[in-house]
Amino acid sequence: MIPASLQRGIAAGILSAIVVIGTGPAALAQSGRSTPQSTRGTPAKPAPATKPNPAPAAKANAAKTNAAKPAAAATGAAAGAAAAARPAQAATGPGGASLLTSYGDWGVYTAQTGRSKICYALSQPKDRLPKNVNRDPAYLFVSFRPAENVKNEVALVLGFTAKENGPAEAAVGNASYALITKAANAWLKNPAEEGQAIATMARSGTVTVKMQSARGASLTDRYSLNGFGKALEHARKECAS
């Protein structure tokens, strides 16, 4: 039996692989594509369409250790293959990931990995500071993996290598949530806060993510939450059937 932490790593790796294959939002807007990635132990980045592209991630349970995440991430990267697109029509892409639809600044994606189905709502940042720093595309997403009993998993693909265990947080409305980083991925430090964070996101306008790169630079990404509630509900229903 595969440990839960390892299963999550595999799912995240799959999504990460998609990110590498993905294309930009403009291209996706014209025609469906696929490309998400990320896991509790390894980064992933998806390709955007009219909106940001996919990028799921897996994170360790509250009881899991940082060491377990890296191992899961490594395995996930090797397993990789799942993607998503961002047009108004369903599309398929490398790895079998599909873009179902989009709401405002958020897209709804699904991917099949073996017998496991992954569903997620994803978006890309509207603003990235400082503007003179070169970074890869970043993604914020919430994923559902029923085969692993994972739901409401909040994760980020940062687009750069973060300082491991360095200062990192996500500010939503008047609330602030500590993040844990690993390579180019991040998750809520306390998984028990995911439900609260998602509820806060559903009634807020933006999410501001602040963290430190491996080189010590302070970086900030601001995500719009326009369409988040509808995209989340759609993703949840896709993996409930």
C-alpha atoms as a PDB file:
ATOM      1  CA  MET A   1       0.000   0.000   0.000  1.00  0.00           C
ATOM      2  CA  ILE A   2       1.437   3.376  -1.016  1.00  0.00           C
ATOM      3  CA  PRO A   3       1.773   5.879   1.860  1.00  0.00           C
ATOM      4  CA  ALA A   4      -0.508   8.914   1.587  1.00  0.00           C
ATOM      5  CA  SER A   5       2.458  11.275   1.492  1.00  0.00           C
ATOM      6  CA  LEU A   6       3.963   9.378  -1.420  1.00  0.00           C
ATOM      7  CA  GLN A   7       0.662   9.310  -3.295  1.00  0.00           C
ATOM      8  CA  ARG A   8       0.368  13.051  -2.950  1.00  0.00           C
ATOM      9  CA  GLY A   9       3.896  13.492  -4.182  1.00  0.00           C
ATOM     10  CA  ILE A  10       3.092  11.450  -7.255  1.00  0.00           C
ATOM     11  CA  ALA A  11       0.007  13.504  -8.018  1.00  0.00           C
ATOM     12  CA  ALA A  12       1.908  16.729  -7.565  1.00  0.00           C
ATOM     13  CA  GLY A  13       4.734  15.539  -9.761  1.00  0.00           C
ATOM     14  CA  ILE A  14       2.301  14.704 -12.508  1.00  0.00           C
ATOM     15  CA  LEU A  15       0.923  18.178 -12.472  1.00  0.00           C
ATOM     16  CA  SER A  16       4.391  19.650 -12.411  1.00  0.00           C
ATOM     17  CA  ALA A  17       5.350  17.757 -15.514  1.00  0.00           C
ATOM     18  CA  ILE A  18       2.386  19.301 -17.240  1.00  0.00           C
ATOM     19  CA  VAL A  19       3.550  22.763 -16.383  1.00  0.00           C
ATOM     20  CA  VAL A  20       6.748  22.223 -18.285  1.00  0.00           C
ATOM     21  CA  ILE A  21       4.837  21.187 -21.371  1.00  0.00           C
ATOM     22  CA  GLY A  22       2.246  23.943 -21.148  1.00  0.00           C
ATOM     23  CA  THR A  23       1.897  27.142 -23.105  1.00  0.00           C
ATOM     24  CA  GLY A  24       0.998  30.732 -22.345  1.00  0.00           C
ATOM     25  CA  PRO A  25      -2.422  32.102 -21.487  1.00  0.00           C
ATOM     26  CA  ALA A  26      -2.958  33.756 -24.818  1.00  0.00           C
ATOM     27  CA  ALA A  27      -2.397  30.546 -26.727  1.00  0.00           C
ATOM     28  CA  LEU A  28      -4.592  28.621 -24.361  1.00  0.00           C
ATOM     29  CA  ALA A  29      -7.269  31.203 -24.728  1.00  0.00           C
ATOM     30  CA  GLN A  30      -7.408  30.425 -28.434  1.00  0.00           C
ATOM     31  CA  SER A  31      -7.365  26.673 -28.126  1.00  0.00           C
ATOM     32  CA  GLY A  32      -7.480  24.137 -25.310  1.00  0.00           C
ATOM     33  CA  ARG A  33      -4.292  22.850 -23.804  1.00  0.00           C
ATOM     34  CA  SER A  34      -2.834  21.272 -20.742  1.00  0.00           C
ATOM     35  CA  THR A  35      -0.053  21.895 -18.277  1.00  0.00           C
ATOM     36  CA  PRO A  36      -0.145  21.923 -14.474  1.00  0.00           C
ATOM     37  CA  GLN A  37       2.297  20.684 -11.853  1.00  0.00           C
ATOM     38  CA  SER A  38       3.291  20.752  -8.248  1.00  0.00           C
ATOM     39  CA  THR A  39       3.382  18.628  -5.139  1.00  0.00           C
ATOM     40  CA  ARG A  40       3.862  18.884  -1.465  1.00  0.00           C
ATOM     41  CA  GLY A  41       7.536  18.097  -2.048  1.00  0.00           C
ATOM     42  CA  THR A  42       8.228  19.305  -5.557  1.00  0.00           C
ATOM     43  CA  PRO A  43       7.307  22.279  -7.704  1.00  0.00           C
ATOM     44  CA  ALA A  44       5.136  22.243 -10.692  1.00  0.00           C
ATOM     45  CA  LYS A  45       3.922  24.801 -13.106  1.00  0.00           C
ATOM     46  CA  PRO A  46       1.098  24.640 -15.617  1.00  0.00           C
ATOM     47  CA  ALA A  47       0.561  26.321 -18.881  1.00  0.00           C
ATOM     48  CA  PRO A  48      -2.075  29.042 -18.953  1.00  0.00           C
ATOM     49  CA  ALA A  49      -4.830  29.719 -21.368  1.00  0.00           C
ATOM     50  CA  THR A  50      -7.116  32.692 -21.508  1.00  0.00           C
ATOM     51  CA  LYS A  51      -6.336  32.379 -17.893  1.00  0.00           C
ATOM     52  CA  PRO A  52      -3.451  30.847 -15.981  1.00  0.00           C
ATOM     53  CA  ASN A  53      -2.659  27.283 -16.589  1.00  0.00           C
ATOM     54  CA  PRO A  54      -2.620  24.235 -14.400  1.00  0.00           C
ATOM     55  CA  ALA A  55      -0.472  23.287 -11.558  1.00  0.00           C
ATOM     56  CA  PRO A  56      -1.517  20.954  -8.803  1.00  0.00           C
ATOM     57  CA  ALA A  57       0.553  20.053  -5.781  1.00  0.00           C
ATOM     58  CA  ALA A  58       0.527  17.602  -2.958  1.00  0.00           C
ATOM     59  CA  LYS A  59       1.287  18.416   0.589  1.00  0.00           C
ATOM     60  CA  ALA A  60       2.095  16.455   3.696  1.00  0.00           C
ATOM     61  CA  ASN A  61      -0.436  16.017   6.465  1.00  0.00           C
ATOM     62  CA  ALA A  62       0.043  17.961   9.670  1.00  0.00           C
ATOM     63  CA  ALA A  63       1.844  14.973  11.068  1.00  0.00           C
ATOM     64  CA  LYS A  64       4.063  14.537   8.048  1.00  0.00           C
ATOM     65  CA  THR A  65       7.643  15.737   8.101  1.00  0.00           C
ATOM     66  CA  ASN A  66       9.546  17.893   5.661  1.00  0.00           C
ATOM     67  CA  ALA A  67      11.674  14.890   4.804  1.00  0.00           C
ATOM     68  CA  ALA A  68       8.629  12.972   3.673  1.00  0.00           C
ATOM     69  CA  LYS A  69       7.647  15.768   1.310  1.00  0.00           C
ATOM     70  CA  PRO A  70      10.909  15.786  -0.649  1.00  0.00           C
ATOM     71  CA  ALA A  71      10.708  12.062  -1.168  1.00  0.00           C
ATOM     72  CA  ALA A  72       7.160  12.298  -2.385  1.00  0.00           C
ATOM     73  CA  ALA A  73       8.081  15.155  -4.644  1.00  0.00           C
ATOM     74  CA  ALA A  74      10.915  13.270  -6.252  1.00  0.00           C
ATOM     75  CA  THR A  75       8.684  10.336  -6.957  1.00  0.00           C
ATOM     76  CA  GLY A  76       5.972  12.625  -8.234  1.00  0.00           C
ATOM     77  CA  ALA A  77       8.298  14.318 -10.683  1.00  0.00           C
ATOM     78  CA  ALA A  78       9.275  10.971 -12.096  1.00  0.00           C
ATOM     79  CA  ALA A  79       5.674   9.919 -12.440  1.00  0.00           C
ATOM     80  CA  GLY A  80       4.612  13.200 -14.027  1.00  0.00           C
ATOM     81  CA  ALA A  81       1.937  13.479 -16.678  1.00  0.00           C
ATOM     82  CA  ALA A  82      -1.144  15.631 -16.342  1.00  0.00           C
ATOM     83  CA  ALA A  83      -2.132  18.948 -17.729  1.00  0.00           C
ATOM     84  CA  ALA A  84      -4.830  21.497 -18.197  1.00  0.00           C
ATOM     85  CA  ALA A  85      -5.978  24.219 -20.517  1.00  0.00           C
ATOM     86  CA  ARG A  86      -7.879  27.421 -20.264  1.00  0.00           C
ATOM     87  CA  PRO A  87     -10.401  28.031 -23.031  1.00  0.00           C
ATOM     88  CA  ALA A  88     -14.133  28.234 -22.797  1.00  0.00           C
ATOM     89  CA  GLN A  89     -14.404  24.791 -24.333  1.00  0.00           C
ATOM     90  CA  ALA A  90     -13.177  21.457 -23.063  1.00  0.00           C
ATOM     91  CA  ALA A  91      -9.723  20.492 -24.254  1.00  0.00           C
ATOM     92  CA  THR A  92      -7.139  17.850 -23.671  1.00  0.00           C
ATOM     93  CA  GLY A  93      -3.400  18.035 -23.522  1.00  0.00           C
ATOM     94  CA  PRO A  94      -0.221  16.101 -22.702  1.00  0.00           C
ATOM     95  CA  GLY A  95      -0.828  13.700 -19.877  1.00  0.00           C
ATOM     96  CA  GLY A  96      -4.582  13.751 -20.422  1.00  0.00           C
ATOM     97  CA  ALA A  97      -5.328  16.894 -18.384  1.00  0.00           C
ATOM     98  CA  SER A  98      -8.405  18.763 -19.548  1.00  0.00           C
ATOM     99  CA  LEU A  99      -9.566  22.329 -19.225  1.00  0.00           C
ATOM    100  CA  LEU A 100     -13.273  22.214 -18.560  1.00  0.00           C
ATOM    101  CA  THR A 101     -14.161  25.874 -18.304  1.00  0.00           C
ATOM    102  CA  SER A 102     -13.169  29.168 -16.718  1.00  0.00           C
ATOM    103  CA  TYR A 103     -14.779  31.681 -14.365  1.00  0.00           C
ATOM    104  CA  GLY A 104     -13.331  35.169 -14.219  1.00  0.00           C
ATOM    105  CA  ASP A 105      -9.618  34.759 -13.518  1.00  0.00           C
ATOM    106  CA  TRP A 106      -9.870  31.068 -12.590  1.00  0.00           C
ATOM    107  CA  GLY A 107      -9.922  27.883 -14.664  1.00  0.00           C
ATOM    108  CA  VAL A 108     -11.262  24.404 -13.843  1.00  0.00           C
ATOM    109  CA  TYR A 109      -9.115  21.401 -14.819  1.00  0.00           C
ATOM    110  CA  THR A 110      -9.202  17.635 -14.506  1.00  0.00           C
ATOM    111  CA  ALA A 111      -6.554  14.963 -15.078  1.00  0.00           C
ATOM    112  CA  GLN A 112      -6.515  11.187 -14.881  1.00  0.00           C
ATOM    113  CA  THR A 113      -3.480   9.410 -13.428  1.00  0.00           C
ATOM    114  CA  GLY A 114      -4.024   5.692 -13.562  1.00  0.00           C
ATOM    115  CA  ARG A 115      -7.278   5.109 -11.719  1.00  0.00           C
ATOM    116  CA  SER A 116      -7.040   8.382  -9.855  1.00  0.00           C
ATOM    117  CA  LYS A 117      -8.860  11.522 -10.969  1.00  0.00           C
ATOM    118  CA  ILE A 118      -7.536  14.954 -10.049  1.00  0.00           C
ATOM    119  CA  CYS A 119      -9.648  18.111 -10.193  1.00  0.00           C
ATOM    120  CA  TYR A 120      -8.510  21.624  -9.478  1.00  0.00           C
ATOM    121  CA  ALA A 121      -9.272  25.336  -9.743  1.00  0.00           C
ATOM    122  CA  LEU A 122      -6.254  27.375 -10.820  1.00  0.00           C
ATOM    123  CA  SER A 123      -5.149  30.943 -11.459  1.00  0.00           C
ATOM    124  CA  GLN A 124      -2.018  32.976 -12.192  1.00  0.00           C
ATOM    125  CA  PRO A 125      -0.858  36.168 -10.446  1.00  0.00           C
ATOM    126  CA  LYS A 126      -1.988  39.571 -11.703  1.00  0.00           C
ATOM    127  CA  ASP A 127       1.005  41.384 -10.243  1.00  0.00           C
ATOM    128  CA  ARG A 128       4.547  40.224  -9.440  1.00  0.00           C
ATOM    129  CA  LEU A 129       6.979  42.394  -7.492  1.00  0.00           C
ATOM    130  CA  PRO A 130       9.634  43.476  -7.907  1.00  0.00           C
ATOM    131  CA  LYS A 131       8.956  43.683 -11.638  1.00  0.00           C
ATOM    132  CA  ASN A 132      12.621  43.577 -12.616  1.00  0.00           C
ATOM    133  CA  VAL A 133      13.146  40.036 -11.307  1.00  0.00           C
ATOM    134  CA  ASN A 134      12.949  37.247 -13.908  1.00  0.00           C
ATOM    135  CA  ARG A 135      10.801  34.321 -12.797  1.00  0.00           C
ATOM    136  CA  ASP A 136       8.960  31.393 -14.327  1.00  0.00           C
ATOM    137  CA  PRO A 137       5.138  31.413 -14.405  1.00  0.00           C
ATOM    138  CA  ALA A 138       3.451  31.027 -11.024  1.00  0.00           C
ATOM    139  CA  TYR A 139       0.143  29.385 -10.111  1.00  0.00           C
ATOM    140  CA  LEU A 140      -2.237  29.221  -7.175  1.00  0.00           C
ATOM    141  CA  PHE A 141      -4.619  26.287  -7.118  1.00  0.00           C
ATOM    142  CA  VAL A 142      -6.918  24.194  -4.982  1.00  0.00           C
ATOM    143  CA  SER A 143      -7.042  20.484  -5.805  1.00  0.00           C
ATOM    144  CA  PHE A 144      -9.211  17.437  -5.107  1.00  0.00           C
ATOM    145  CA  ARG A 145      -7.926  13.849  -5.296  1.00  0.00           C
ATOM    146  CA  PRO A 146     -10.719  11.517  -4.133  1.00  0.00           C
ATOM    147  CA  ALA A 147      -8.638   8.346  -4.532  1.00  0.00           C
ATOM    148  CA  GLU A 148      -6.305   9.715  -1.838  1.00  0.00           C
ATOM    149  CA  ASN A 149      -9.090  11.315   0.206  1.00  0.00           C
ATOM    150  CA  VAL A 150      -7.548  14.729  -0.478  1.00  0.00           C
ATOM    151  CA  LYS A 151      -9.800  17.764  -0.827  1.00  0.00           C
ATOM    152  CA  ASN A 152      -9.414  21.543  -0.615  1.00  0.00           C
ATOM    153  CA  GLU A 153      -5.631  21.295  -0.914  1.00  0.00           C
ATOM    154  CA  VAL A 154      -4.239  24.804  -1.355  1.00  0.00           C
ATOM    155  CA  ALA A 155      -0.898  24.926  -3.161  1.00  0.00           C
ATOM    156  CA  LEU A 156       1.321  27.253  -5.152  1.00  0.00           C
ATOM    157  CA  VAL A 157       3.846  26.888  -7.918  1.00  0.00           C
ATOM    158  CA  LEU A 158       6.158  29.808  -7.228  1.00  0.00           C
ATOM    159  CA  GLY A 159       8.106  30.177 -10.446  1.00  0.00           C
ATOM    160  CA  PHE A 160      11.396  30.335  -8.533  1.00  0.00           C
ATOM    161  CA  THR A 161      13.274  28.370  -5.903  1.00  0.00           C
ATOM    162  CA  ALA A 162      12.236  29.583  -2.480  1.00  0.00           C
ATOM    163  CA  LYS A 163      14.341  29.669   0.642  1.00  0.00           C
ATOM    164  CA  GLU A 164      13.416  26.416   2.317  1.00  0.00           C
ATOM    165  CA  ASN A 165      11.574  27.055   5.574  1.00  0.00           C
ATOM    166  CA  GLY A 166      12.130  30.758   4.976  1.00  0.00           C
ATOM    167  CA  PRO A 167       9.521  33.448   5.754  1.00  0.00           C
ATOM    168  CA  ALA A 168       6.424  32.960   3.601  1.00  0.00           C
ATOM    169  CA  GLU A 169       2.768  33.871   3.970  1.00  0.00           C
ATOM    170  CA  ALA A 170      -0.475  34.353   2.066  1.00  0.00           C
ATOM    171  CA  ALA A 171      -2.657  37.312   3.038  1.00  0.00           C
ATOM    172  CA  VAL A 172      -6.376  37.022   2.240  1.00  0.00           C
ATOM    173  CA  GLY A 173      -8.653  39.821   3.359  1.00  0.00           C
ATOM    174  CA  ASN A 174      -7.809  40.476   7.009  1.00  0.00           C
ATOM    175  CA  ALA A 175      -6.394  36.994   7.500  1.00  0.00           C
ATOM    176  CA  SER A 176      -2.839  35.767   7.047  1.00  0.00           C
ATOM    177  CA  TYR A 177      -1.725  32.149   6.591  1.00  0.00           C
ATOM    178  CA  ALA A 178       1.807  30.856   7.085  1.00  0.00           C
ATOM    179  CA  LEU A 179       3.222  28.873   4.175  1.00  0.00           C
ATOM    180  CA  ILE A 180       5.774  26.110   4.053  1.00  0.00           C
ATOM    181  CA  THR A 181       8.027  26.045   0.985  1.00  0.00           C
ATOM    182  CA  LYS A 182       9.913  23.295  -0.767  1.00  0.00           C
ATOM    183  CA  ALA A 183      11.921  24.015  -3.900  1.00  0.00           C
ATOM    184  CA  ALA A 184       9.504  26.011  -6.111  1.00  0.00           C
ATOM    185  CA  ASN A 185       6.312  24.906  -4.355  1.00  0.00           C
ATOM    186  CA  ALA A 186       4.411  26.095  -1.309  1.00  0.00           C
ATOM    187  CA  TRP A 187       1.482  24.926   0.821  1.00  0.00           C
ATOM    188  CA  LEU A 188      -0.325  26.166   3.901  1.00  0.00           C
ATOM    189  CA  LYS A 189       1.919  25.337   6.826  1.00  0.00           C
ATOM    190  CA  ASN A 190      -1.067  24.131   8.807  1.00  0.00           C
ATOM    191  CA  PRO A 191      -3.304  21.879   6.643  1.00  0.00           C
ATOM    192  CA  ALA A 192      -6.080  22.295   9.199  1.00  0.00           C
ATOM    193  CA  GLU A 193      -6.434  25.918   8.051  1.00  0.00           C
ATOM    194  CA  GLU A 194      -7.278  25.024   4.463  1.00  0.00           C
ATOM    195  CA  GLY A 195     -11.038  25.043   4.950  1.00  0.00           C
ATOM    196  CA  GLN A 196     -10.897  28.438   6.639  1.00  0.00           C
ATOM    197  CA  ALA A 197      -8.521  29.826   4.011  1.00  0.00           C
ATOM    198  CA  ILE A 198     -10.796  28.723   1.172  1.00  0.00           C
ATOM    199  CA  ALA A 199     -13.853  30.229   2.855  1.00  0.00           C
ATOM    200  CA  THR A 200     -11.968  33.503   3.272  1.00  0.00           C
ATOM    201  CA  MET A 201     -10.839  33.426  -0.358  1.00  0.00           C
ATOM    202  CA  ALA A 202     -14.428  32.928  -1.529  1.00  0.00           C
ATOM    203  CA  ARG A 203     -15.463  36.234   0.023  1.00  0.00           C
ATOM    204  CA  SER A 204     -12.306  38.242  -0.674  1.00  0.00           C
ATOM    205  CA  GLY A 205     -10.906  40.036  -3.705  1.00  0.00           C
ATOM    206  CA  THR A 206      -7.230  39.108  -3.707  1.00  0.00           C
ATOM    207  CA  VAL A 207      -4.557  36.841  -2.270  1.00  0.00           C
ATOM    208  CA  THR A 208      -1.134  38.369  -1.696  1.00  0.00           C
ATOM    209  CA  VAL A 209       1.722  35.891  -1.401  1.00  0.00           C
ATOM    210  CA  LYS A 210       5.020  37.038   0.091  1.00  0.00           C
ATOM    211  CA  MET A 211       8.134  34.914   0.380  1.00  0.00           C
ATOM    212  CA  GLN A 212      11.879  34.859   0.070  1.00  0.00           C
ATOM    213  CA  SER A 213      13.890  33.321  -2.745  1.00  0.00           C
ATOM    214  CA  ALA A 214      16.819  30.991  -2.195  1.00  0.00           C
ATOM    215  CA  ARG A 215      19.032  34.002  -2.942  1.00  0.00           C
ATOM    216  CA  GLY A 216      17.412  36.064  -0.216  1.00  0.00           C
ATOM    217  CA  ALA A 217      15.246  38.325  -2.377  1.00  0.00           C
ATOM    218  CA  SER A 218      11.815  39.308  -1.037  1.00  0.00           C
ATOM    219  CA  LEU A 219       9.158  38.560  -3.673  1.00  0.00           C
ATOM    220  CA  THR A 220       5.427  39.242  -3.840  1.00  0.00           C
ATOM    221  CA  ASP A 221       2.670  37.809  -6.067  1.00  0.00           C
ATOM    222  CA  ARG A 222      -0.899  39.101  -6.065  1.00  0.00           C
ATOM    223  CA  TYR A 223      -3.710  36.842  -7.287  1.00  0.00           C
ATOM    224  CA  SER A 224      -7.225  37.924  -8.231  1.00  0.00           C
ATOM    225  CA  LEU A 225     -10.052  35.936  -6.668  1.00  0.00           C
ATOM    226  CA  ASN A 226     -12.570  36.908  -9.337  1.00  0.00           C
ATOM    227  CA  GLY A 227     -14.394  33.685 -10.217  1.00  0.00           C
ATOM    228  CA  PHE A 228     -12.686  31.630  -7.497  1.00  0.00           C
ATOM    229  CA  GLY A 229     -15.872  30.493  -5.744  1.00  0.00           C
ATOM    230  CA  LYS A 230     -17.511  29.167  -8.915  1.00  0.00           C
ATOM    231  CA  ALA A 231     -14.324  27.510 -10.164  1.00  0.00           C
ATOM    232  CA  LEU A 232     -13.800  25.813  -6.804  1.00  0.00           C
ATOM    233  CA  GLU A 233     -17.348  24.496  -6.654  1.00  0.00           C
ATOM    234  CA  HIS A 234     -17.105  23.195 -10.219  1.00  0.00           C
ATOM    235  CA  ALA A 235     -13.819  21.411  -9.485  1.00  0.00           C
ATOM    236  CA  ARG A 236     -15.272  19.915  -6.312  1.00  0.00           C
ATOM    237  CA  LYS A 237     -18.301  18.535  -8.157  1.00  0.00           C
ATOM    238  CA  GLU A 238     -16.128  17.073 -10.918  1.00  0.00           C
ATOM    239  CA  CYS A 239     -14.303  14.920  -8.389  1.00  0.00           C
ATOM    240  CA  ALA A 240     -17.429  14.074  -6.422  1.00  0.00           C
ATOM    241  CA  SER A 241     -18.920  12.080  -9.279  1.00  0.00           C
END
